[in-house]
Amino acid sequence: MNRRVTVAITGASGVIYAVRLLRYFLTHAYEVDFIISDAGKINFKVEMDWDLDKKGVVEFLKNKFGHDIDKGKLREWPVQAIAAPMASGSMRRLGMVVVPCSMKTLSGIAHGASTNLIERAADVALKENFPLIIVPRETPMNSIQIENMLTLSKAGARIVPAMPAFYQKPQSIDDIADFIVARILHMLGIDDHELFQPWGG
């Protein structure tokens, strides 16, 4: 299995979903290409009390989860680095996850705008038929936003709204976030985890 994956954070609330996903990938020896938009950095600072312009995401993850993340590898790419490897279909990968996905980024991807590396990498994932997982976090939604999700779904993206379940009786916010992380991993064909107990009827 290809163990290289792209993870992008945009300007929607819900940074915890990306943090928990990065934790899984890096503690399970995956190679992550990481992109974060300017608005994503603002939300990261608000929700995680960490300024990524002063200290990088790897330092944040080590501070939060320890050196277990050293099992994997993370490389951060500037959001305007349009010539980065994931902007080309020749770079093979497991897939791409945009989590959380703002409605602005959702619209940009749905309309093929490719105005930055996140949008371009997502466009490449669609044209090369790599798994593209979009995790929108917005409520309520208007018809334009819903149409954009439908457009992406028809193009082959997987839409995984940040809508956690509670039948697994979560004991913490991390448990709630891990349910969504598990659904993302399932869309990538990864089920060898213990993030939550599947529904047993």
Foldseek 3Di string as FASTA:
>chain_A
DFQEEEEEEEQDADVLLVLLLLVVSLLVAGEYEYEYDPNRQVNCCVPVVDRCVVPNPVVVSCVVPNCSSNSYHYDYDYFAPCVDPLLDLVDDHLAYEYPADELVLLQLLLVQVPNTNVSSSSVSCLVNVHAYEYEYEDPPDDPVSVVSVVSVVVSPYHYQYLDFDCPQPDPDPSLRSLRSSCVVCVSSVDNPDPSTDDDDD
